[in-house]
């Protein structure tokens, strides 16, 4: 059927009303798709359990590393055999083996080693009457009482000496001056002008616990030879001795039988622990020979410390 154009009152034809064609919706859908494709894609939603693992992964790894380190340290300890319990029989067996295979130092050797750093040679010099040369008049022994170089010896070792020298255990030699005299106990105090850096004073003990039969040793320079050591026992206490010249009576002496000869005078009489209990001062010989026959005397340390002004025991 043929359409007849419609005319308005003005004589012009009116445009025919537009109707939607079947293709327009498809264009609209394509534009909608373009808009949708232009939008950013929505994020993919990760499951909760995976997010927890991702967030705590470092903690899990750290905990795992710590557990592995603990196993490495603790594992070998647990796997190590338990320590064997040592019985008294095992200890006795070990001590017996040591005694059978190794030589232990004797008590005398230990005491000598303890006192030796404190023993000095004392030399008294005088002028040769036949010339101007200096001659050695007396040789004796001394023991270091204070580390600044205070030395105790016998009065008769330095009496009438014009000059005194001391030689320490390490070979250091020094001039010494007499700073104190106690003739009633045959004691003299010397002060060395120079001392070794590591000078060791002797350990002094009281004689209250000393008894006849106790082991003692004498250290000195008999006839200038030494240092020499001899061993014996305490023969008696509270002994008296009158000097050969009869000038002095010495009292409260220790009698001992360790060998002592001229040159031992002023040296230490030491107990088994290396502690000084007396100062060797005289030997008794009924003959005119100046040699030891088994009776020696020493001034007690109570009298010796009083001579150098130290407090009593």
Protein backbone atom coordinates (compact mmCIF):
# COMPACT_ATOMS: atom_id res chain seq x y z
CA UNK A 1 0.00 0.00 0.00
CA UNK A 2 1.43 3.32 -0.97
CA UNK A 3 1.85 5.88 1.68
CA UNK A 4 0.31 9.29 1.12
CA UNK A 5 2.39 12.16 2.41
CA UNK A 6 0.76 14.27 5.03
CA UNK A 7 0.66 18.02 4.70
CA UNK A 8 0.51 20.56 7.38
CA UNK A 9 -1.80 23.54 7.29
CA UNK A 10 1.00 25.55 5.78
CA UNK A 11 1.03 23.31 2.86
CA UNK A 12 4.26 21.66 3.70
CA UNK A 13 4.50 18.07 4.27
CA UNK A 14 5.14 17.02 7.90
CA UNK A 15 7.87 14.72 8.56
CA UNK A 16 6.79 11.31 9.26
CA UNK A 17 7.16 10.36 12.87
CA UNK A 18 10.36 8.26 13.54
CA UNK A 19 9.99 4.87 14.82
CA UNK A 20 12.76 2.79 16.37
CA UNK A 21 14.36 0.53 13.88
CA UNK A 22 15.34 -2.93 14.92
CA UNK A 23 19.12 -2.08 14.56
CA UNK A 24 19.17 0.76 17.07
CA UNK A 25 19.13 -1.46 20.15
CA UNK A 26 22.18 -3.33 18.84
CA UNK A 27 24.07 -0.03 18.45
CA UNK A 28 23.13 0.88 21.98
CA UNK A 29 24.35 -2.47 23.24
CA UNK A 30 27.64 -2.04 21.42
CA UNK A 31 28.15 1.37 23.02
CA UNK A 32 27.32 -0.15 26.40
CA UNK A 33 29.93 -2.79 25.79
CA UNK A 34 32.49 -0.13 24.92
CA UNK A 35 31.75 1.65 28.17
CA UNK A 36 32.07 -1.59 30.05
CA UNK A 37 35.39 -2.37 28.35
CA UNK A 38 36.74 1.09 29.24
CA UNK A 39 36.14 0.52 32.95
CA UNK A 40 39.01 -0.99 34.93
CA UNK A 41 38.55 -4.65 35.75
CA UNK A 42 37.32 -5.35 39.25
CA UNK A 43 39.96 -6.94 41.52
CA UNK A 44 39.90 -10.67 41.96
CA UNK A 45 38.85 -11.50 45.48
CA UNK A 46 41.55 -13.59 47.28
CA UNK A 47 40.35 -16.18 49.77
CA UNK A 48 40.79 -15.31 53.43
CA UNK A 49 43.07 -18.28 54.24
CA UNK A 50 45.48 -17.29 51.50
CA UNK A 51 45.61 -13.70 52.63
CA UNK A 52 46.44 -14.83 56.18
CA UNK A 53 49.29 -16.97 54.89
CA UNK A 54 50.63 -14.11 52.78
CA UNK A 55 50.46 -11.65 55.68
CA UNK A 56 52.07 -13.98 58.21
CA UNK A 57 54.50 -15.72 55.89
CA UNK A 58 57.55 -13.89 57.29
CA UNK A 59 56.55 -14.78 60.84
CA UNK A 60 56.12 -18.42 59.88
CA UNK A 61 59.54 -18.47 58.20
CA UNK A 62 61.20 -16.81 61.21
CA UNK A 63 59.58 -19.27 63.59
CA UNK A 64 60.62 -22.15 61.39
CA UNK A 65 64.24 -20.90 61.34
CA UNK A 66 64.32 -20.55 65.11
CA UNK A 67 62.92 -24.05 65.53
CA UNK A 68 65.54 -25.45 63.15
CA UNK A 69 68.38 -23.70 65.07
CA UNK A 70 67.02 -25.07 68.35
CA UNK A 71 67.00 -28.58 66.94
CA UNK A 72 70.59 -28.20 65.70
CA UNK A 73 71.76 -27.14 69.17
CA UNK A 74 69.59 -29.38 71.32
CA UNK A 75 69.70 -32.44 69.12
CA UNK A 76 73.40 -33.33 69.49
CA UNK A 77 73.19 -32.67 73.23
CA UNK A 78 70.34 -35.10 73.57
CA UNK A 79 72.12 -37.60 71.40
CA UNK A 80 75.45 -37.31 73.32
CA UNK A 81 76.10 -40.08 75.82
CA UNK A 82 75.46 -39.30 79.46
CA UNK A 83 78.64 -38.38 81.45
CA UNK A 84 80.12 -41.25 83.34
CA UNK A 85 79.86 -40.97 87.10
CA UNK A 86 83.28 -40.96 88.80
CA UNK A 87 83.52 -43.11 91.87
CA UNK A 88 85.96 -42.92 94.77
CA UNK A 89 87.73 -45.96 93.37
CA UNK A 90 88.36 -44.09 90.11
CA UNK A 91 89.87 -41.17 92.03
CA UNK A 92 92.08 -43.46 94.12
CA UNK A 93 93.23 -45.27 90.98
CA UNK A 94 94.16 -41.98 89.27
CA UNK A 95 96.08 -40.73 92.32
CA UNK A 96 97.94 -44.03 92.60
CA UNK A 97 98.86 -43.87 88.91
CA UNK A 98 100.21 -40.33 89.33
CA UNK A 99 102.29 -41.32 92.34
CA UNK A 100 103.75 -44.29 90.47
CA UNK A 101 104.56 -42.46 87.23
CA UNK A 102 105.54 -38.93 88.33
CA UNK A 103 108.14 -37.70 90.80
CA UNK A 104 106.69 -35.16 93.21
CA UNK A 105 108.94 -32.48 94.77
CA UNK A 106 110.02 -33.17 98.32
CA UNK A 107 108.82 -30.91 101.15
CA UNK A 108 112.35 -29.52 101.49
CA UNK A 109 112.50 -28.65 97.78
CA UNK A 110 109.13 -26.88 97.98
CA UNK A 111 110.16 -24.90 101.06
CA UNK A 112 113.47 -23.92 99.45
CA UNK A 113 111.72 -22.76 96.27
CA UNK A 114 109.32 -20.62 98.34
CA UNK A 115 112.02 -18.79 100.34
CA UNK A 116 114.76 -18.49 97.70
CA UNK A 117 113.55 -15.17 96.09
CA UNK A 118 113.86 -13.49 99.51
CA UNK A 119 117.40 -14.67 100.38
CA UNK A 120 120.35 -12.29 99.81
CA UNK A 121 124.12 -12.55 100.15
CA UNK A 122 125.56 -9.96 102.55
CA UNK A 123 129.16 -8.84 102.08
CA UNK A 124 131.06 -6.65 104.55
CA UNK A 125 134.12 -4.74 103.22
CA UNK A 126 137.02 -3.08 104.96
CA UNK A 127 140.23 -1.34 103.88
CA UNK A 128 143.28 -3.52 103.43
CA UNK A 129 145.77 -2.54 106.18
CA UNK A 130 148.61 -3.18 103.76
CA UNK A 131 147.23 -0.87 101.10
CA UNK A 132 144.34 1.20 99.87
CA UNK A 133 142.47 -1.70 98.31
CA UNK A 134 139.14 -2.81 99.71
CA UNK A 135 138.90 -6.39 101.00
CA UNK A 136 135.90 -8.59 101.82
CA UNK A 137 135.88 -8.98 105.58
CA UNK A 138 132.67 -10.89 106.29
CA UNK A 139 130.27 -12.99 104.25
CA UNK A 140 126.82 -13.77 105.56
CA UNK A 141 123.20 -14.09 104.60
CA UNK A 142 120.16 -11.89 104.87
CA UNK A 143 116.44 -12.21 104.29
CA UNK A 144 114.14 -9.59 102.73
CA UNK A 145 111.50 -8.42 105.20
CA UNK A 146 109.89 -5.56 103.24
CA UNK A 147 109.72 -5.23 99.45
CA UNK A 148 111.27 -1.76 99.48
CA UNK A 149 114.61 -3.41 100.35
CA UNK A 150 114.57 -3.79 104.14
CA UNK A 151 116.81 -6.74 104.99
CA UNK A 152 117.43 -8.56 108.27
CA UNK A 153 120.80 -10.16 109.07
CA UNK A 154 123.12 -10.76 112.02
CA UNK A 155 124.86 -7.99 113.88
CA UNK A 156 128.19 -9.82 113.78
CA UNK A 157 128.02 -10.04 109.94
CA UNK A 158 128.15 -6.25 109.47
CA UNK A 159 129.96 -5.21 112.65
CA UNK A 160 133.04 -3.06 111.94
CA UNK A 161 132.42 -3.18 108.18
CA UNK A 162 133.30 0.03 106.34
CA UNK A 163 130.92 -0.76 103.51
CA UNK A 164 128.12 -3.29 102.99
CA UNK A 165 126.83 -4.77 99.74
CA UNK A 166 123.94 -7.14 99.15
CA UNK A 167 123.33 -9.45 96.21
CA UNK A 168 119.72 -10.45 95.52
CA UNK A 169 118.51 -13.81 94.23
CA UNK A 170 118.32 -12.56 90.62
CA UNK A 171 121.94 -11.31 90.74
CA UNK A 172 121.09 -7.64 91.29
CA UNK A 173 123.81 -6.05 93.49
CA UNK A 174 123.35 -2.94 95.60
CA UNK A 175 125.04 -0.87 98.27
CA UNK A 176 123.30 -1.12 101.64
CA UNK A 177 123.32 0.99 104.74
CA UNK A 178 122.82 -0.14 108.34
CA UNK A 179 119.60 1.43 109.63
CA UNK A 180 119.07 -0.55 112.80
CA UNK A 181 121.04 -2.60 115.33
CA UNK A 182 119.92 -4.92 118.11
CA UNK A 183 123.12 -6.46 119.52
CA UNK A 184 121.32 -8.22 122.37
CA UNK A 185 119.67 -10.45 119.77
CA UNK A 186 122.60 -10.35 117.32
CA UNK A 187 120.39 -8.63 114.71
CA UNK A 188 120.96 -5.83 112.22
CA UNK A 189 118.64 -4.13 109.74
CA UNK A 190 119.93 -3.09 106.32
CA UNK A 191 118.39 -0.83 103.70
CA UNK A 192 119.39 -1.56 100.09
CA UNK A 193 119.87 1.51 97.90
CA UNK A 194 118.35 -0.22 94.85
CA UNK A 195 116.16 -3.29 94.57
CA UNK A 196 114.86 -5.54 91.78
CA UNK A 197 111.46 -4.65 90.34
CA UNK A 198 109.84 -7.88 91.49
CA UNK A 199 111.47 -8.19 94.91
CA UNK A 200 109.49 -10.63 97.08
CA UNK A 201 109.56 -10.33 100.88
CA UNK A 202 109.61 -13.49 102.97
CA UNK A 203 106.56 -14.85 104.75
CA UNK A 204 107.05 -14.60 108.51
CA UNK A 205 105.25 -16.72 111.11
CA UNK A 206 105.17 -16.98 114.86
CA UNK A 207 106.97 -19.79 116.68
CA UNK A 208 104.01 -20.45 119.00
CA UNK A 209 103.06 -23.58 117.04
CA UNK A 210 106.67 -24.75 116.60
CA UNK A 211 107.56 -27.96 118.44
CA UNK A 212 110.62 -30.20 118.79
CA UNK A 213 110.70 -32.64 115.90
CA UNK A 214 109.21 -30.22 113.37
CA UNK A 215 111.10 -30.17 110.09
CA UNK A 216 113.08 -27.02 109.33
CA UNK A 217 115.57 -25.98 106.64
CA UNK A 218 118.39 -23.45 106.68
CA UNK A 219 119.23 -21.43 103.55
CA UNK A 220 122.36 -19.33 103.19
CA UNK A 221 125.93 -19.00 101.91
CA UNK A 222 128.14 -21.26 104.06
CA UNK A 223 131.77 -20.24 103.48
CA UNK A 224 130.41 -18.02 100.69
CA UNK A 225 129.02 -20.99 98.72
CA UNK A 226 125.43 -20.83 97.69
CA UNK A 227 122.69 -20.29 98.02
CA UNK A 228 122.79 -23.64 99.82
CA UNK A 229 120.03 -25.53 101.61
CA UNK A 230 120.22 -28.00 104.47
CA UNK A 231 117.42 -29.80 106.27
CA UNK A 232 116.85 -30.98 109.83
CA UNK A 233 114.43 -30.74 112.72
CA UNK A 234 113.80 -28.50 115.67
CA UNK A 235 115.94 -29.92 118.50
CA UNK A 236 114.63 -27.66 121.26
CA UNK A 237 113.11 -24.30 122.16
CA UNK A 238 113.93 -21.48 124.61
CA UNK A 239 117.66 -22.22 124.47
CA UNK A 240 120.48 -19.92 125.62
CA UNK A 241 123.86 -19.34 124.00
CA UNK A 242 126.83 -17.26 125.04
CA UNK A 243 129.05 -15.87 122.29
CA UNK A 244 132.63 -17.22 122.14
CA UNK A 245 133.95 -13.88 123.31
CA UNK A 246 131.58 -14.05 126.25
CA UNK A 247 130.27 -10.59 125.50
CA UNK A 248 126.59 -11.45 125.01
CA UNK A 249 124.14 -14.03 126.25
CA UNK A 250 121.48 -14.80 123.66
CA UNK A 251 118.18 -16.13 125.00
CA UNK A 252 114.91 -17.60 123.74
CA UNK A 253 116.65 -19.35 120.83
CA UNK A 254 115.54 -22.17 118.56
CA UNK A 255 117.93 -25.14 118.60
CA UNK A 256 118.08 -27.09 115.31
CA UNK A 257 120.23 -29.74 113.66
CA UNK A 258 120.14 -28.60 110.01
CA UNK A 259 123.73 -28.09 108.86
CA UNK A 260 124.91 -24.48 109.31
CA UNK A 261 128.41 -23.04 108.96
CA UNK A 262 130.05 -19.59 108.87
CA UNK A 263 128.24 -17.74 106.10
CA UNK A 264 124.83 -19.10 107.12
CA UNK A 265 124.67 -16.37 109.76
CA UNK A 266 121.70 -14.05 109.19
CA UNK A 267 119.94 -16.52 106.92
CA UNK A 268 116.37 -17.76 107.36
CA UNK A 269 115.35 -20.87 109.27
CA UNK A 270 112.23 -22.02 107.44
CA UNK A 271 109.41 -24.45 108.19
CA UNK A 272 108.02 -27.00 105.74
CA UNK A 273 105.71 -24.35 104.23
CA UNK A 274 108.59 -22.03 103.33
CA UNK A 275 107.74 -19.58 106.13
CA UNK A 276 110.50 -18.00 108.22
CA UNK A 277 110.43 -19.00 111.88
CA UNK A 278 113.91 -17.75 112.85
CA UNK A 279 117.21 -16.14 111.84
CA UNK A 280 120.27 -18.41 112.01
CA UNK A 281 122.73 -16.80 114.40
CA UNK A 282 125.25 -19.27 115.87
CA UNK A 283 126.65 -22.77 115.94
CA UNK A 284 128.01 -24.62 118.95
CA UNK A 285 131.31 -26.47 118.74
CA UNK A 286 133.26 -27.37 121.91
CA UNK A 287 136.48 -27.28 119.91
CA UNK A 288 138.10 -24.29 118.32
CA UNK A 289 136.97 -25.42 114.87
CA UNK A 290 134.35 -23.18 113.28
CA UNK A 291 132.42 -26.04 111.74
CA UNK A 292 129.00 -27.53 112.41
CA UNK A 293 128.73 -30.58 114.61
CA UNK A 294 124.97 -30.76 114.89
CA UNK A 295 123.89 -27.90 117.14
CA UNK A 296 122.72 -24.60 115.66
CA UNK A 297 120.77 -21.69 117.09
CA UNK A 298 118.34 -19.22 115.56
CA UNK A 299 116.68 -16.07 116.86
CA UNK A 300 112.88 -16.41 116.94
CA UNK A 301 110.78 -14.32 114.58
CA UNK A 302 109.12 -12.64 117.57
CA UNK A 303 112.48 -11.10 118.45
CA UNK A 304 113.33 -10.42 114.79
CA UNK A 305 110.22 -8.42 113.91
CA UNK A 306 110.69 -6.32 117.03
CA UNK A 307 114.17 -5.43 115.74
CA UNK A 308 112.81 -3.94 112.53
CA UNK A 309 109.81 -2.25 114.11
CA UNK A 310 107.12 -4.53 112.67
CA UNK A 311 104.05 -5.27 114.79
CA UNK A 312 104.27 -8.49 116.85
CA UNK A 313 102.39 -11.60 115.79
